[in-house]
Amino acid sequence: MGQFGQIEDQRLCQQMPKRNITLCEDETFHPQICLVAIEPVSNFIILEAYAEKRDAVTWNSSIDAATKPFSVDVIQCISDQAAALLSHSQSHLGVHHSSDVFHVQYEHSERQTCSYAPVHV
């Protein structure tokens, strides 16, 4: 399956018109670090690769290699507020960074205090 995917990517890249894309980036740990980047409109996984580190340098080289075959320009990154991902998107790619919804909601809920008594039924 992996080989088929690589062959199809190469074949389809030759026909692909230039596109501006957003990348949703994050890491998973199972059991080692796995860098993941998804293009949210098509739900296409641009990057899914194990890495020794999750620093900006590693993100930079991984995304550069993953996007190289495609006719795309990354115009925005969405992720948590990790320093490496902020540096990667703003300094290396030179694109806008947006926080993911989970972290915005989490930060907002942390600031809220409960000012009402719970209702007992």
PDB file of N, CA and C in Angstrom:
ATOM      1  N   MET A   1       0.821  -1.193   0.000  1.00  0.00           N
ATOM      2  CA  MET A   1       0.000   0.000   0.000  1.00  0.00           C
ATOM      3  C   MET A   1       0.864   1.255   0.000  1.00  0.00           C
ATOM      4  N   GLY A   2       1.948   1.204   0.790  1.00  0.00           N
ATOM      5  CA  GLY A   2       2.836   2.361   0.857  1.00  0.00           C
ATOM      6  C   GLY A   2       3.447   2.688  -0.488  1.00  0.00           C
ATOM      7  N   GLN A   3       3.893   1.662  -1.193  1.00  0.00           N
ATOM      8  CA  GLN A   3       4.492   1.878  -2.520  1.00  0.00           C
ATOM      9  C   GLN A   3       3.459   2.414  -3.503  1.00  0.00           C
ATOM     10  N   PHE A   4       2.242   1.879  -3.448  1.00  0.00           N
ATOM     11  CA  PHE A   4       1.178   2.350  -4.330  1.00  0.00           C
ATOM     12  C   PHE A   4       0.917   3.837  -4.087  1.00  0.00           C
ATOM     13  N   GLY A   5       0.865   4.235  -2.810  1.00  0.00           N
ATOM     14  CA  GLY A   5       0.634   5.639  -2.476  1.00  0.00           C
ATOM     15  C   GLY A   5       1.724   6.547  -3.020  1.00  0.00           C
ATOM     16  N   GLN A   6       2.970   6.116  -2.906  1.00  0.00           N
ATOM     17  CA  GLN A   6       4.090   6.912  -3.419  1.00  0.00           C
ATOM     18  C   GLN A   6       4.026   7.035  -4.944  1.00  0.00           C
ATOM     19  N   ILE A   7       3.707   5.939  -5.609  1.00  0.00           N
ATOM     20  CA  ILE A   7       3.601   5.958  -7.080  1.00  0.00           C
ATOM     21  C   ILE A   7       2.463   6.871  -7.523  1.00  0.00           C
ATOM     22  N   GLU A   8       1.327   6.781  -6.844  1.00  0.00           N
ATOM     23  CA  GLU A   8       0.176   7.633  -7.184  1.00  0.00           C
ATOM     24  C   GLU A   8       0.482   9.102  -6.924  1.00  0.00           C
ATOM     25  N   ASP A   9       1.151   9.391  -5.802  1.00  0.00           N
ATOM     26  CA  ASP A   9       1.527  10.784  -5.521  1.00  0.00           C
ATOM     27  C   ASP A   9       2.381  11.336  -6.655  1.00  0.00           C
ATOM     28  N   GLN A  10       3.377  10.575  -7.084  1.00  0.00           N
ATOM     29  CA  GLN A  10       4.254  11.024  -8.165  1.00  0.00           C
ATOM     30  C   GLN A  10       3.471  11.242  -9.457  1.00  0.00           C
ATOM     31  N   ARG A  11       2.585  10.309  -9.792  1.00  0.00           N
ATOM     32  CA  ARG A  11       1.806  10.416 -11.021  1.00  0.00           C
ATOM     33  C   ARG A  11       0.879  11.635 -10.981  1.00  0.00           C
ATOM     34  N   LEU A  12       0.177  11.794  -9.875  1.00  0.00           N
ATOM     35  CA  LEU A  12      -0.791  12.875  -9.766  1.00  0.00           C
ATOM     36  C   LEU A  12      -0.134  14.251  -9.625  1.00  0.00           C
ATOM     37  N   CYS A  13       1.057  14.300  -9.021  1.00  0.00           N
ATOM     38  CA  CYS A  13       1.770  15.575  -8.877  1.00  0.00           C
ATOM     39  C   CYS A  13       2.081  16.204 -10.222  1.00  0.00           C
ATOM     40  N   GLN A  14       2.321  15.379 -11.224  1.00  0.00           N
ATOM     41  CA  GLN A  14       2.646  15.890 -12.554  1.00  0.00           C
ATOM     42  C   GLN A  14       1.468  16.627 -13.187  1.00  0.00           C
ATOM     43  N   GLN A  15       0.246  16.276 -12.787  1.00  0.00           N
ATOM     44  CA  GLN A  15      -0.954  16.869 -13.369  1.00  0.00           C
ATOM     45  C   GLN A  15      -1.563  17.967 -12.492  1.00  0.00           C
ATOM     46  N   MET A  16      -1.013  18.158 -11.299  1.00  0.00           N
ATOM     47  CA  MET A  16      -1.626  19.032 -10.304  1.00  0.00           C
ATOM     48  C   MET A  16      -1.402  20.507 -10.629  1.00  0.00           C
ATOM     49  N   PRO A  17      -2.485  21.286 -10.695  1.00  0.00           N
ATOM     50  CA  PRO A  17      -2.314  22.736 -10.860  1.00  0.00           C
ATOM     51  C   PRO A  17      -1.789  23.341  -9.548  1.00  0.00           C
ATOM     52  N   LYS A  18      -1.133  24.482  -9.638  1.00  0.00           N
ATOM     53  CA  LYS A  18      -0.597  25.168  -8.460  1.00  0.00           C
ATOM     54  C   LYS A  18      -1.733  25.521  -7.503  1.00  0.00           C
ATOM     55  N   ARG A  19      -1.524  25.252  -6.202  1.00  0.00           N
ATOM     56  CA  ARG A  19      -2.557  25.523  -5.194  1.00  0.00           C
ATOM     57  C   ARG A  19      -1.944  26.170  -3.966  1.00  0.00           C
ATOM     58  N   ASN A  20      -2.707  27.050  -3.339  1.00  0.00           N
ATOM     59  CA  ASN A  20      -2.364  27.580  -2.025  1.00  0.00           C
ATOM     60  C   ASN A  20      -3.031  26.687  -0.997  1.00  0.00           C
ATOM     61  N   ILE A  21      -2.274  26.286   0.020  1.00  0.00           N
ATOM     62  CA  ILE A  21      -2.842  25.381   1.020  1.00  0.00           C
ATOM     63  C   ILE A  21      -2.542  25.855   2.438  1.00  0.00           C
ATOM     64  N   THR A  22      -3.352  25.357   3.343  1.00  0.00           N
ATOM     65  CA  THR A  22      -3.152  25.502   4.776  1.00  0.00           C
ATOM     66  C   THR A  22      -2.657  24.157   5.285  1.00  0.00           C
ATOM     67  N   LEU A  23      -1.785  24.179   6.269  1.00  0.00           N
ATOM     68  CA  LEU A  23      -1.348  22.945   6.910  1.00  0.00           C
ATOM     69  C   LEU A  23      -1.782  22.945   8.371  1.00  0.00           C
ATOM     70  N   CYS A  24      -2.377  21.850   8.793  1.00  0.00           N
ATOM     71  CA  CYS A  24      -2.682  21.615  10.201  1.00  0.00           C
ATOM     72  C   CYS A  24      -1.603  20.671  10.710  1.00  0.00           C
ATOM     73  N   GLU A  25      -0.810  21.151  11.671  1.00  0.00           N
ATOM     74  CA  GLU A  25       0.366  20.406  12.103  1.00  0.00           C
ATOM     75  C   GLU A  25       0.283  20.055  13.588  1.00  0.00           C
ATOM     76  N   ASP A  26       0.786  18.871  13.902  1.00  0.00           N
ATOM     77  CA  ASP A  26       0.844  18.432  15.300  1.00  0.00           C
ATOM     78  C   ASP A  26       1.771  17.231  15.394  1.00  0.00           C
ATOM     79  N   GLU A  27       2.026  16.810  16.611  1.00  0.00           N
ATOM     80  CA  GLU A  27       2.802  15.602  16.838  1.00  0.00           C
ATOM     81  C   GLU A  27       1.940  14.589  17.574  1.00  0.00           C
ATOM     82  N   THR A  28       2.225  13.326  17.315  1.00  0.00           N
ATOM     83  CA  THR A  28       1.644  12.254  18.109  1.00  0.00           C
ATOM     84  C   THR A  28       2.814  11.456  18.677  1.00  0.00           C
ATOM     85  N   PHE A  29       2.537  10.619  19.641  1.00  0.00           N
ATOM     86  CA  PHE A  29       3.582   9.846  20.297  1.00  0.00           C
ATOM     87  C   PHE A  29       3.104   8.410  20.430  1.00  0.00           C
ATOM     88  N   HIS A  30       3.631   7.507  19.596  1.00  0.00           N
ATOM     89  CA  HIS A  30       3.210   6.102  19.661  1.00  0.00           C
ATOM     90  C   HIS A  30       4.279   5.159  19.161  1.00  0.00           C
ATOM     91  N   PRO A  31       5.215   4.767  19.857  1.00  0.00           N
ATOM     92  CA  PRO A  31       5.727   5.294  21.128  1.00  0.00           C
ATOM     93  C   PRO A  31       6.706   6.436  20.932  1.00  0.00           C
ATOM     94  N   GLN A  32       7.160   6.677  19.698  1.00  0.00           N
ATOM     95  CA  GLN A  32       8.085   7.780  19.473  1.00  0.00           C
ATOM     96  C   GLN A  32       7.374   8.939  18.788  1.00  0.00           C
ATOM     97  N   ILE A  33       8.077  10.035  18.613  1.00  0.00           N
ATOM     98  CA  ILE A  33       7.509  11.250  18.014  1.00  0.00           C
ATOM     99  C   ILE A  33       7.149  10.993  16.551  1.00  0.00           C
ATOM    100  N   CYS A  34       5.920  11.356  16.186  1.00  0.00           N
ATOM    101  CA  CYS A  34       5.476  11.263  14.801  1.00  0.00           C
ATOM    102  C   CYS A  34       4.937  12.640  14.402  1.00  0.00           C
ATOM    103  N   LEU A  35       5.586  13.267  13.438  1.00  0.00           N
ATOM    104  CA  LEU A  35       5.146  14.570  12.933  1.00  0.00           C
ATOM    105  C   LEU A  35       4.024  14.358  11.928  1.00  0.00           C
ATOM    106  N   VAL A  36       2.954  15.140  12.070  1.00  0.00           N
ATOM    107  CA  VAL A  36       1.788  14.987  11.204  1.00  0.00           C
ATOM    108  C   VAL A  36       1.364  16.357  10.672  1.00  0.00           C
ATOM    109  N   ALA A  37       1.128  16.430   9.364  1.00  0.00           N
ATOM    110  CA  ALA A  37       0.604  17.646   8.741  1.00  0.00           C
ATOM    111  C   ALA A  37      -0.474  17.237   7.747  1.00  0.00           C
ATOM    112  N   ILE A  38      -1.640  17.850   7.880  1.00  0.00           N
ATOM    113  CA  ILE A  38      -2.787  17.528   7.037  1.00  0.00           C
ATOM    114  C   ILE A  38      -3.282  18.804   6.360  1.00  0.00           C
ATOM    115  N   GLU A  39      -3.650  18.677   5.098  1.00  0.00           N
ATOM    116  CA  GLU A  39      -4.282  19.779   4.374  1.00  0.00           C
ATOM    117  C   GLU A  39      -5.775  19.637   4.639  1.00  0.00           C
ATOM    118  N   PRO A  40      -6.416  20.598   5.347  1.00  0.00           N
ATOM    119  CA  PRO A  40      -7.773  20.383   5.851  1.00  0.00           C
ATOM    120  C   PRO A  40      -8.900  20.374   4.811  1.00  0.00           C
ATOM    121  N   VAL A  41      -8.735  21.003   3.678  1.00  0.00           N
ATOM    122  CA  VAL A  41      -9.814  21.031   2.687  1.00  0.00           C
ATOM    123  C   VAL A  41      -9.988  19.649   2.062  1.00  0.00           C
ATOM    124  N   SER A  42      -8.884  19.037   1.662  1.00  0.00           N
ATOM    125  CA  SER A  42      -8.950  17.712   1.032  1.00  0.00           C
ATOM    126  C   SER A  42      -8.785  16.584   2.030  1.00  0.00           C
ATOM    127  N   ASN A  43      -8.332  16.914   3.253  1.00  0.00           N
ATOM    128  CA  ASN A  43      -8.022  15.926   4.289  1.00  0.00           C
ATOM    129  C   ASN A  43      -6.840  15.039   3.871  1.00  0.00           C
ATOM    130  N   PHE A  44      -5.982  15.564   2.992  1.00  0.00           N
ATOM    131  CA  PHE A  44      -4.821  14.825   2.501  1.00  0.00           C
ATOM    132  C   PHE A  44      -3.695  14.918   3.521  1.00  0.00           C
ATOM    133  N   ILE A  45      -3.120  13.791   3.855  1.00  0.00           N
ATOM    134  CA  ILE A  45      -2.000  13.758   4.790  1.00  0.00           C
ATOM    135  C   ILE A  45      -0.731  14.092   4.018  1.00  0.00           C
ATOM    136  N   ILE A  46      -0.202  15.275   4.254  1.00  0.00           N
ATOM    137  CA  ILE A  46       1.021  15.732   3.591  1.00  0.00           C
ATOM    138  C   ILE A  46       2.235  15.075   4.237  1.00  0.00           C
ATOM    139  N   LEU A  47       2.222  14.983   5.561  1.00  0.00           N
ATOM    140  CA  LEU A  47       3.363  14.453   6.300  1.00  0.00           C
ATOM    141  C   LEU A  47       2.882  13.552   7.422  1.00  0.00           C
ATOM    142  N   GLU A  48       3.495  12.411   7.516  1.00  0.00           N
ATOM    143  CA  GLU A  48       3.302  11.505   8.643  1.00  0.00           C
ATOM    144  C   GLU A  48       4.613  10.737   8.754  1.00  0.00           C
ATOM    145  N   ALA A  49       5.477  11.211   9.654  1.00  0.00           N
ATOM    146  CA  ALA A  49       6.828  10.650   9.706  1.00  0.00           C
ATOM    147  C   ALA A  49       7.370  10.659  11.132  1.00  0.00           C
ATOM    148  N   TYR A  50       8.033   9.576  11.492  1.00  0.00           N
ATOM    149  CA  TYR A  50       8.714   9.519  12.776  1.00  0.00           C
ATOM    150  C   TYR A  50       9.937  10.412  12.727  1.00  0.00           C
ATOM    151  N   ALA A  51      10.235  11.040  13.865  1.00  0.00           N
ATOM    152  CA  ALA A  51      11.383  11.939  13.948  1.00  0.00           C
ATOM    153  C   ALA A  51      12.031  11.809  15.322  1.00  0.00           C
ATOM    154  N   GLU A  52      13.304  12.120  15.363  1.00  0.00           N
ATOM    155  CA  GLU A  52      14.040  12.095  16.630  1.00  0.00           C
ATOM    156  C   GLU A  52      13.627  13.267  17.521  1.00  0.00           C
ATOM    157  N   LYS A  53      13.343  14.413  16.892  1.00  0.00           N
ATOM    158  CA  LYS A  53      13.011  15.633  17.624  1.00  0.00           C
ATOM    159  C   LYS A  53      11.749  16.243  17.038  1.00  0.00           C
ATOM    160  N   ARG A  54      11.212  17.203  17.765  1.00  0.00           N
ATOM    161  CA  ARG A  54      10.070  17.963  17.257  1.00  0.00           C
ATOM    162  C   ARG A  54      10.364  19.457  17.327  1.00  0.00           C
ATOM    163  N   ASP A  55      11.606  19.790  17.053  1.00  0.00           N
ATOM    164  CA  ASP A  55      12.036  21.186  17.056  1.00  0.00           C
ATOM    165  C   ASP A  55      11.758  21.831  15.695  1.00  0.00           C
ATOM    166  N   ALA A  56      11.974  23.132  15.613  1.00  0.00           N
ATOM    167  CA  ALA A  56      11.687  23.871  14.378  1.00  0.00           C
ATOM    168  C   ALA A  56      12.522  23.370  13.207  1.00  0.00           C
ATOM    169  N   VAL A  57      13.784  23.053  13.453  1.00  0.00           N
ATOM    170  CA  VAL A  57      14.663  22.574  12.377  1.00  0.00           C
ATOM    171  C   VAL A  57      14.114  21.278  11.781  1.00  0.00           C
ATOM    172  N   THR A  58      13.659  20.381  12.642  1.00  0.00           N
ATOM    173  CA  THR A  58      13.097  19.110  12.167  1.00  0.00           C
ATOM    174  C   THR A  58      11.805  19.346  11.399  1.00  0.00           C
ATOM    175  N   TRP A  59      10.928  20.209  11.922  1.00  0.00           N
ATOM    176  CA  TRP A  59       9.694  20.541  11.200  1.00  0.00           C
ATOM    177  C   TRP A  59      10.011  21.154   9.841  1.00  0.00           C
ATOM    178  N   ASN A  60      10.969  22.079   9.803  1.00  0.00           N
ATOM    179  CA  ASN A  60      11.330  22.752   8.550  1.00  0.00           C
ATOM    180  C   ASN A  60      11.751  21.741   7.490  1.00  0.00           C
ATOM    181  N   SER A  61      12.684  20.878   7.826  1.00  0.00           N
ATOM    182  CA  SER A  61      13.186  19.916   6.833  1.00  0.00           C
ATOM    183  C   SER A  61      12.122  18.888   6.460  1.00  0.00           C
ATOM    184  N   SER A  62      11.306  18.484   7.421  1.00  0.00           N
ATOM    185  CA  SER A  62      10.266  17.482   7.141  1.00  0.00           C
ATOM    186  C   SER A  62       9.192  18.027   6.211  1.00  0.00           C
ATOM    187  N   ILE A  63       8.727  19.244   6.475  1.00  0.00           N
ATOM    188  CA  ILE A  63       7.694  19.851   5.617  1.00  0.00           C
ATOM    189  C   ILE A  63       8.265  20.190   4.247  1.00  0.00           C
ATOM    190  N   ASP A  64       9.493  20.684   4.202  1.00  0.00           N
ATOM    191  CA  ASP A  64      10.121  20.971   2.902  1.00  0.00           C
ATOM    192  C   ASP A  64      10.171  19.719   2.035  1.00  0.00           C
ATOM    193  N   ALA A  65      10.590  18.611   2.623  1.00  0.00           N
ATOM    194  CA  ALA A  65      10.681  17.352   1.869  1.00  0.00           C
ATOM    195  C   ALA A  65       9.297  16.841   1.477  1.00  0.00           C
ATOM    196  N   ALA A  66       8.330  16.963   2.389  1.00  0.00           N
ATOM    197  CA  ALA A  66       6.988  16.433   2.128  1.00  0.00           C
ATOM    198  C   ALA A  66       6.247  17.226   1.055  1.00  0.00           C
ATOM    199  N   THR A  67       6.459  18.535   0.996  1.00  0.00           N
ATOM    200  CA  THR A  67       5.732  19.360   0.027  1.00  0.00           C
ATOM    201  C   THR A  67       6.465  19.494  -1.310  1.00  0.00           C
ATOM    202  N   LYS A  68       7.729  19.110  -1.354  1.00  0.00           N
ATOM    203  CA  LYS A  68       8.533  19.279  -2.570  1.00  0.00           C
ATOM    204  C   LYS A  68       7.898  18.689  -3.835  1.00  0.00           C
ATOM    205  N   PRO A  69       7.350  17.473  -3.781  1.00  0.00           N
ATOM    206  CA  PRO A  69       6.792  16.905  -5.018  1.00  0.00           C
ATOM    207  C   PRO A  69       5.498  17.586  -5.485  1.00  0.00           C
ATOM    208  N   PHE A  70       4.847  18.309  -4.590  1.00  0.00           N
ATOM    209  CA  PHE A  70       3.544  18.884  -4.899  1.00  0.00           C
ATOM    210  C   PHE A  70       3.668  20.318  -5.387  1.00  0.00           C
ATOM    211  N   SER A  71       2.740  20.719  -6.212  1.00  0.00           N
ATOM    212  CA  SER A  71       2.697  22.078  -6.740  1.00  0.00           C
ATOM    213  C   SER A  71       1.849  22.933  -5.799  1.00  0.00           C
ATOM    214  N   VAL A  72       2.413  23.216  -4.602  1.00  0.00           N
ATOM    215  CA  VAL A  72       1.660  23.939  -3.580  1.00  0.00           C
ATOM    216  C   VAL A  72       2.502  25.051  -2.969  1.00  0.00           C
ATOM    217  N   ASP A  73       1.803  26.067  -2.503  1.00  0.00           N
ATOM    218  CA  ASP A  73       2.384  27.110  -1.670  1.00  0.00           C
ATOM    219  C   ASP A  73       1.630  27.072  -0.350  1.00  0.00           C
ATOM    220  N   VAL A  74       2.352  26.895   0.744  1.00  0.00           N
ATOM    221  CA  VAL A  74       1.730  26.935   2.067  1.00  0.00           C
ATOM    222  C   VAL A  74       1.514  28.399   2.409  1.00  0.00           C
ATOM    223  N   ILE A  75       0.253  28.752   2.725  1.00  0.00           N
ATOM    224  CA  ILE A  75      -0.067  30.146   3.029  1.00  0.00           C
ATOM    225  C   ILE A  75      -0.460  30.352   4.488  1.00  0.00           C
ATOM    226  N   GLN A  76      -0.641  29.240   5.233  1.00  0.00           N
ATOM    227  CA  GLN A  76      -1.057  29.346   6.622  1.00  0.00           C
ATOM    228  C   GLN A  76      -0.792  28.016   7.318  1.00  0.00           C
ATOM    229  N   CYS A  77      -0.466  28.089   8.597  1.00  0.00           N
ATOM    230  CA  CYS A  77      -0.334  26.888   9.422  1.00  0.00           C
ATOM    231  C   CYS A  77      -1.247  27.020  10.630  1.00  0.00           C
ATOM    232  N   ILE A  78      -1.826  25.910  11.007  1.00  0.00           N
ATOM    233  CA  ILE A  78      -2.669  25.848  12.189  1.00  0.00           C
ATOM    234  C   ILE A  78      -2.084  24.779  13.092  1.00  0.00           C
ATOM    235  N   SER A  79      -1.904  25.140  14.364  1.00  0.00           N
ATOM    236  CA  SER A  79      -1.347  24.176  15.314  1.00  0.00           C
ATOM    237  C   SER A  79      -1.577  24.699  16.725  1.00  0.00           C
ATOM    238  N   ASP A  80      -1.034  23.958  17.686  1.00  0.00           N
ATOM    239  CA  ASP A  80      -1.030  24.491  19.039  1.00  0.00           C
ATOM    240  C   ASP A  80       0.002  25.624  19.091  1.00  0.00           C
ATOM    241  N   GLN A  81       0.249  26.175  20.219  1.00  0.00           N
ATOM    242  CA  GLN A  81       1.153  27.320  20.329  1.00  0.00           C
ATOM    243  C   GLN A  81       2.588  26.904  20.665  1.00  0.00           C
ATOM    244  N   ALA A  82       2.977  25.686  20.305  1.00  0.00           N
ATOM    245  CA  ALA A  82       4.336  25.220  20.575  1.00  0.00           C
ATOM    246  C   ALA A  82       5.344  26.138  19.890  1.00  0.00           C
ATOM    247  N   ALA A  83       6.409  26.474  20.619  1.00  0.00           N
ATOM    248  CA  ALA A  83       7.416  27.398  20.099  1.00  0.00           C
ATOM    249  C   ALA A  83       8.013  26.915  18.780  1.00  0.00           C
ATOM    250  N   ALA A  84       8.255  25.617  18.663  1.00  0.00           N
ATOM    251  CA  ALA A  84       8.848  25.075  17.431  1.00  0.00           C
ATOM    252  C   ALA A  84       7.911  25.257  16.237  1.00  0.00           C
ATOM    253  N   LEU A  85       6.625  25.042  16.447  1.00  0.00           N
ATOM    254  CA  LEU A  85       5.665  25.183  15.349  1.00  0.00           C
ATOM    255  C   LEU A  85       5.448  26.649  14.988  1.00  0.00           C
ATOM    256  N   LEU A  86       5.469  27.528  15.975  1.00  0.00           N
ATOM    257  CA  LEU A  86       5.369  28.959  15.684  1.00  0.00           C
ATOM    258  C   LEU A  86       6.578  29.426  14.880  1.00  0.00           C
ATOM    259  N   SER A  87       7.768  29.023  15.296  1.00  0.00           N
ATOM    260  CA  SER A  87       8.983  29.395  14.572  1.00  0.00           C
ATOM    261  C   SER A  87       8.976  28.822  13.162  1.00  0.00           C
ATOM    262  N   HIS A  88       8.589  27.562  13.055  1.00  0.00           N
ATOM    263  CA  HIS A  88       8.529  26.895  11.748  1.00  0.00           C
ATOM    264  C   HIS A  88       7.615  27.643  10.782  1.00  0.00           C
ATOM    265  N   SER A  89       6.413  27.984  11.239  1.00  0.00           N
ATOM    266  CA  SER A  89       5.456  28.621  10.327  1.00  0.00           C
ATOM    267  C   SER A  89       5.818  30.078  10.050  1.00  0.00           C
ATOM    268  N   GLN A  90       6.172  30.825  11.082  1.00  0.00           N
ATOM    269  CA  GLN A  90       6.401  32.256  10.898  1.00  0.00           C
ATOM    270  C   GLN A  90       7.789  32.570  10.348  1.00  0.00           C
ATOM    271  N   SER A  91       8.826  31.932  10.869  1.00  0.00           N
ATOM    272  CA  SER A  91      10.190  32.264  10.448  1.00  0.00           C
ATOM    273  C   SER A  91      10.622  31.500   9.195  1.00  0.00           C
ATOM    274  N   HIS A  92      10.366  30.194   9.170  1.00  0.00           N
ATOM    275  CA  HIS A  92      10.832  29.397   8.029  1.00  0.00           C
ATOM    276  C   HIS A  92       9.909  29.517   6.819  1.00  0.00           C
ATOM    277  N   LEU A  93       8.619  29.272   7.027  1.00  0.00           N
ATOM    278  CA  LEU A  93       7.673  29.347   5.906  1.00  0.00           C
ATOM    279  C   LEU A  93       7.242  30.782   5.619  1.00  0.00           C
ATOM    280  N   GLY A  94       7.332  31.652   6.615  1.00  0.00           N
ATOM    281  CA  GLY A  94       6.919  33.044   6.438  1.00  0.00           C
ATOM    282  C   GLY A  94       5.424  33.197   6.227  1.00  0.00           C
ATOM    283  N   VAL A  95       4.646  32.370   6.946  1.00  0.00           N
ATOM    284  CA  VAL A  95       3.193  32.385   6.770  1.00  0.00           C
ATOM    285  C   VAL A  95       2.493  32.682   8.087  1.00  0.00           C
ATOM    286  N   HIS A  96       1.224  33.015   7.968  1.00  0.00           N
ATOM    287  CA  HIS A  96       0.368  33.269   9.123  1.00  0.00           C
ATOM    288  C   HIS A  96       0.200  31.989   9.938  1.00  0.00           C
ATOM    289  N   HIS A  97       0.178  32.129  11.258  1.00  0.00           N
ATOM    290  CA  HIS A  97      -0.094  30.990  12.139  1.00  0.00           C
ATOM    291  C   HIS A  97      -1.385  31.249  12.887  1.00  0.00           C
ATOM    292  N   SER A  98      -2.250  30.244  12.916  1.00  0.00           N
ATOM    293  CA  SER A  98      -3.487  30.311  13.697  1.00  0.00           C
ATOM    294  C   SER A  98      -3.471  29.194  14.721  1.00  0.00           C
ATOM    295  N   SER A  99      -4.015  29.483  15.874  1.00  0.00           N
ATOM    296  CA  SER A  99      -4.106  28.463  16.917  1.00  0.00           C
ATOM    297  C   SER A  99      -5.251  27.510  16.595  1.00  0.00           C
ATOM    298  N   ASP A 100      -5.067  26.251  16.938  1.00  0.00           N
ATOM    299  CA  ASP A 100      -6.147  25.297  16.713  1.00  0.00           C
ATOM    300  C   ASP A 100      -7.298  25.557  17.682  1.00  0.00           C
ATOM    301  N   VAL A 101      -8.478  25.079  17.354  1.00  0.00           N
ATOM    302  CA  VAL A 101      -9.689  25.352  18.133  1.00  0.00           C
ATOM    303  C   VAL A 101      -9.582  24.810  19.553  1.00  0.00           C
ATOM    304  N   PHE A 102      -9.029  23.628  19.714  1.00  0.00           N
ATOM    305  CA  PHE A 102      -8.928  23.035  21.046  1.00  0.00           C
ATOM    306  C   PHE A 102      -8.186  23.969  21.998  1.00  0.00           C
ATOM    307  N   HIS A 103      -7.050  24.479  21.561  1.00  0.00           N
ATOM    308  CA  HIS A 103      -6.246  25.298  22.459  1.00  0.00           C
ATOM    309  C   HIS A 103      -6.876  26.667  22.718  1.00  0.00           C
ATOM    310  N   VAL A 104      -7.575  27.217  21.759  1.00  0.00           N
ATOM    311  CA  VAL A 104      -8.292  28.471  21.989  1.00  0.00           C
ATOM    312  C   VAL A 104      -9.387  28.237  23.030  1.00  0.00           C
ATOM    313  N   GLN A 105     -10.163  27.169  22.871  1.00  0.00           N
ATOM    314  CA  GLN A 105     -11.226  26.868  23.834  1.00  0.00           C
ATOM    315  C   GLN A 105     -10.650  26.582  25.213  1.00  0.00           C
ATOM    316  N   TYR A 106      -9.561  25.846  25.252  1.00  0.00           N
ATOM    317  CA  TYR A 106      -8.940  25.495  26.527  1.00  0.00           C
ATOM    318  C   TYR A 106      -8.474  26.750  27.259  1.00  0.00           C
ATOM    319  N   GLU A 107      -7.768  27.635  26.552  1.00  0.00           N
ATOM    320  CA  GLU A 107      -7.303  28.874  27.172  1.00  0.00           C
ATOM    321  C   GLU A 107      -8.468  29.725  27.646  1.00  0.00           C
ATOM    322  N   HIS A 108      -9.526  29.790  26.856  1.00  0.00           N
ATOM    323  CA  HIS A 108     -10.702  30.568  27.234  1.00  0.00           C
ATOM    324  C   HIS A 108     -11.362  29.979  28.481  1.00  0.00           C
ATOM    325  N   SER A 109     -11.518  28.669  28.530  1.00  0.00           N
ATOM    326  CA  SER A 109     -12.178  28.038  29.676  1.00  0.00           C
ATOM    327  C   SER A 109     -11.336  28.150  30.940  1.00  0.00           C
ATOM    328  N   GLU A 110     -10.017  28.197  30.815  1.00  0.00           N
ATOM    329  CA  GLU A 110      -9.138  28.358  31.971  1.00  0.00           C
ATOM    330  C   GLU A 110      -9.311  29.740  32.593  1.00  0.00           C
ATOM    331  N   ARG A 111      -9.653  30.733  31.800  1.00  0.00           N
ATOM    332  CA  ARG A 111      -9.828  32.100  32.296  1.00  0.00           C
ATOM    333  C   ARG A 111     -11.202  32.314  32.936  1.00  0.00           C
ATOM    334  N   GLN A 112     -12.132  31.457  32.596  1.00  0.00           N
ATOM    335  CA  GLN A 112     -13.490  31.615  33.101  1.00  0.00           C
ATOM    336  C   GLN A 112     -13.579  31.098  34.535  1.00  0.00           C
ATOM    337  N   THR A 113     -14.363  31.763  35.347  1.00  0.00           N
ATOM    338  CA  THR A 113     -14.632  31.278  36.695  1.00  0.00           C
ATOM    339  C   THR A 113     -16.128  31.048  36.809  1.00  0.00           C
ATOM    340  N   CYS A 114     -16.484  30.119  37.584  1.00  0.00           N
ATOM    341  CA  CYS A 114     -17.896  29.787  37.779  1.00  0.00           C
ATOM    342  C   CYS A 114     -18.474  30.745  38.809  1.00  0.00           C
ATOM    343  N   SER A 115     -19.393  31.594  38.402  1.00  0.00           N
ATOM    344  CA  SER A 115     -19.967  32.600  39.295  1.00  0.00           C
ATOM    345  C   SER A 115     -21.418  32.287  39.652  1.00  0.00           C
ATOM    346  N   TYR A 116     -21.838  31.098  39.395  1.00  0.00           N
ATOM    347  CA  TYR A 116     -23.221  30.754  39.702  1.00  0.00           C
ATOM    348  C   TYR A 116     -23.229  29.426  40.481  1.00  0.00           C
ATOM    349  N   ALA A 117     -24.289  29.246  41.215  1.00  0.00           N
ATOM    350  CA  ALA A 117     -24.429  28.016  41.988  1.00  0.00           C
ATOM    351  C   ALA A 117     -24.976  26.923  41.086  1.00  0.00           C
ATOM    352  N   PRO A 118     -24.488  25.711  41.257  1.00  0.00           N
ATOM    353  CA  PRO A 118     -25.012  24.631  40.422  1.00  0.00           C
ATOM    354  C   PRO A 118     -26.492  24.382  40.702  1.00  0.00           C
ATOM    355  N   VAL A 119     -27.214  23.995  39.691  1.00  0.00           N
ATOM    356  CA  VAL A 119     -28.640  23.701  39.794  1.00  0.00           C
ATOM    357  C   VAL A 119     -28.799  22.231  40.134  1.00  0.00           C
ATOM    358  N   HIS A 120     -29.543  21.940  41.189  1.00  0.00           N
ATOM    359  CA  HIS A 120     -29.819  20.558  41.551  1.00  0.00           C
ATOM    360  C   HIS A 120     -31.242  20.208  41.154  1.00  0.00           C
ATOM    361  N   VAL A 121     -31.417  19.111  40.510  1.00  0.00           N
ATOM    362  CA  VAL A 121     -32.736  18.697  40.073  1.00  0.00           C
ATOM    363  C   VAL A 121     -33.260  17.628  40.978  1.00  0.00           C
TER     364      VAL A 121
END
